[in-house]
Protein backbone atom coordinates (compact mmCIF):
# COMPACT_ATOMS: atom_id res chain seq x y z
CA MET A 1 4.42 -24.39 -8.72
CA HIS A 2 2.68 -22.75 -12.14
CA GLU A 3 3.26 -25.92 -13.85
CA PHE A 4 1.18 -29.06 -14.60
CA PRO A 5 2.83 -32.06 -14.30
CA PRO A 6 4.19 -33.36 -17.91
CA ALA A 7 2.65 -35.92 -19.79
CA ALA A 8 5.49 -37.93 -20.77
CA GLY A 9 9.08 -36.90 -18.67
CA LYS A 10 9.95 -34.65 -16.11
CA ILE A 11 10.45 -31.99 -17.97
CA PRO A 12 7.93 -29.26 -18.05
CA PRO A 13 6.84 -28.39 -20.81
CA HIS A 14 7.02 -24.61 -19.83
CA ARG A 15 10.28 -24.24 -19.30
CA SER A 16 11.55 -21.25 -16.57
CA ASP A 17 11.94 -18.28 -19.90
CA SER A 18 7.48 -19.52 -20.09
CA GLY A 19 6.71 -19.71 -16.60
CA ALA A 20 8.34 -15.87 -16.07
CA LEU A 21 5.98 -14.48 -19.63
CA LEU A 22 2.92 -16.62 -18.07
CA LEU A 23 3.31 -15.23 -13.97
CA ALA A 24 3.69 -11.18 -15.99
CA ASP A 25 0.77 -12.30 -17.54
CA ALA A 26 -0.99 -13.31 -14.02
CA TYR A 27 0.03 -9.99 -12.16
CA GLY A 28 -1.01 -8.03 -15.17
CA ALA A 29 2.37 -7.27 -15.96
CA ALA A 30 2.30 -4.70 -19.35
CA ARG A 31 5.71 -5.77 -19.67
CA LEU A 32 9.06 -8.06 -18.65
CA THR A 33 13.00 -8.32 -18.68
CA TYR A 34 14.76 -11.13 -19.70
CA VAL A 35 18.28 -10.81 -17.86
CA LYS A 36 20.49 -13.50 -19.81
CA ASP A 37 24.05 -13.59 -20.82
CA VAL A 38 23.31 -12.87 -24.27
CA ASP A 39 23.35 -9.20 -25.88
CA GLY A 40 19.79 -10.00 -27.02
CA VAL A 41 18.67 -11.63 -30.81
CA TYR A 42 21.34 -12.12 -33.93
CA ARG A 43 20.13 -12.54 -37.62
CA ASP A 44 23.06 -15.34 -37.15
CA PRO A 45 23.27 -16.84 -33.88
CA ASP A 46 27.21 -18.23 -34.57
CA ALA A 47 29.06 -15.10 -35.81
CA ARG A 48 26.30 -13.03 -33.22
CA ASP A 49 26.49 -10.53 -36.09
CA GLY A 50 22.68 -8.88 -36.91
CA LEU A 51 21.61 -7.65 -33.86
CA ILE A 52 17.99 -7.54 -34.25
CA GLY A 53 17.10 -3.94 -31.71
CA ARG A 54 13.24 -3.96 -32.15
CA ILE A 55 10.78 -7.54 -33.72
CA ALA A 56 6.79 -8.56 -33.63
CA ALA A 57 7.01 -12.22 -31.64
CA ARG A 58 5.66 -13.63 -35.27
CA ASP A 59 7.85 -12.78 -36.84
CA LEU A 60 10.97 -13.29 -34.77
CA LEU A 61 9.67 -17.15 -35.08
CA ASP A 62 9.26 -17.14 -39.56
CA LEU A 63 12.66 -15.85 -39.14
CA GLY A 64 13.32 -19.84 -38.51
CA LEU A 65 16.82 -19.11 -36.74
CA PRO A 66 18.41 -22.14 -35.05
CA SER A 67 18.70 -20.50 -31.74
CA LEU A 68 17.35 -18.64 -29.26
CA PRO A 69 18.79 -17.17 -26.25
CA VAL A 70 14.27 -17.25 -24.73
CA ASP A 71 12.06 -20.41 -25.38
CA ARG A 72 10.45 -20.44 -28.83
CA LEU A 73 7.95 -21.58 -26.79
CA VAL A 74 7.41 -17.45 -25.56
CA LEU A 75 7.13 -16.32 -28.59
CA GLU A 76 3.85 -18.96 -29.46
CA LEU A 77 2.58 -17.66 -26.04
CA MET A 78 3.20 -13.51 -26.99
CA ALA A 79 0.22 -14.03 -29.34
CA ARG A 80 -1.92 -15.44 -25.99
CA THR A 81 -0.75 -13.01 -23.18
CA ARG A 82 -3.65 -10.90 -21.77
CA HIS A 83 -1.83 -8.03 -20.07
CA VAL A 84 2.05 -8.69 -21.15
CA THR A 85 2.69 -6.68 -24.40
CA GLU A 86 6.42 -6.91 -24.58
CA PHE A 87 9.61 -8.00 -23.18
CA GLN A 88 13.25 -7.69 -23.43
CA LEU A 89 15.90 -9.56 -23.63
CA VAL A 90 19.22 -7.76 -21.67
CA ASN A 91 22.65 -8.51 -20.87
CA GLY A 92 22.66 -9.31 -17.45
CA LEU A 93 26.82 -8.87 -17.45
CA VAL A 94 27.39 -5.36 -18.87
CA PRO A 95 27.67 -3.19 -15.70
CA GLY A 96 24.74 -0.91 -16.40
CA ASN A 97 22.18 -3.00 -19.14
CA VAL A 98 19.82 -3.69 -15.70
CA THR A 99 19.52 -0.38 -14.83
CA LYS A 100 18.32 1.38 -18.03
CA ALA A 101 16.21 -1.49 -18.79
CA LEU A 102 14.06 -0.93 -15.27
CA ALA A 103 14.40 2.43 -16.62
CA GLY A 104 12.39 2.49 -19.58
CA GLU A 105 15.64 2.50 -21.62
CA HIS A 106 16.12 0.54 -24.91
CA VAL A 107 18.51 -2.42 -24.37
CA GLY A 108 19.43 -5.60 -26.81
CA THR A 109 16.22 -6.76 -28.35
CA LEU A 110 12.99 -6.19 -27.95
CA VAL A 111 10.03 -8.57 -28.66
CA THR A 112 6.86 -7.10 -29.79
CA GLY A 113 3.36 -9.56 -29.23
């Protein structure tokens, strides 16, 4: 709905995470909450060690982590969003996390633009 067909293949270049960011920005939202099955971004994703509480999108890209719980394109798009200034990654499997995040509490990893 929010994506043009890709130039090659069937998979759109903007996946669901990127689409959510683009729609949030189009609607004028200042924040976005991604509800995932991970606690946030870890410095060592394989060992689940060193949860990053708050980080800028550019700094997160510069870390060069092998995997991220959100599309890398989201981090690149954060530099060009007009309204969204931050997004939060929240573990939706932990009871109460989503409620806390929507109430403005810091839960998981907060990524700023």
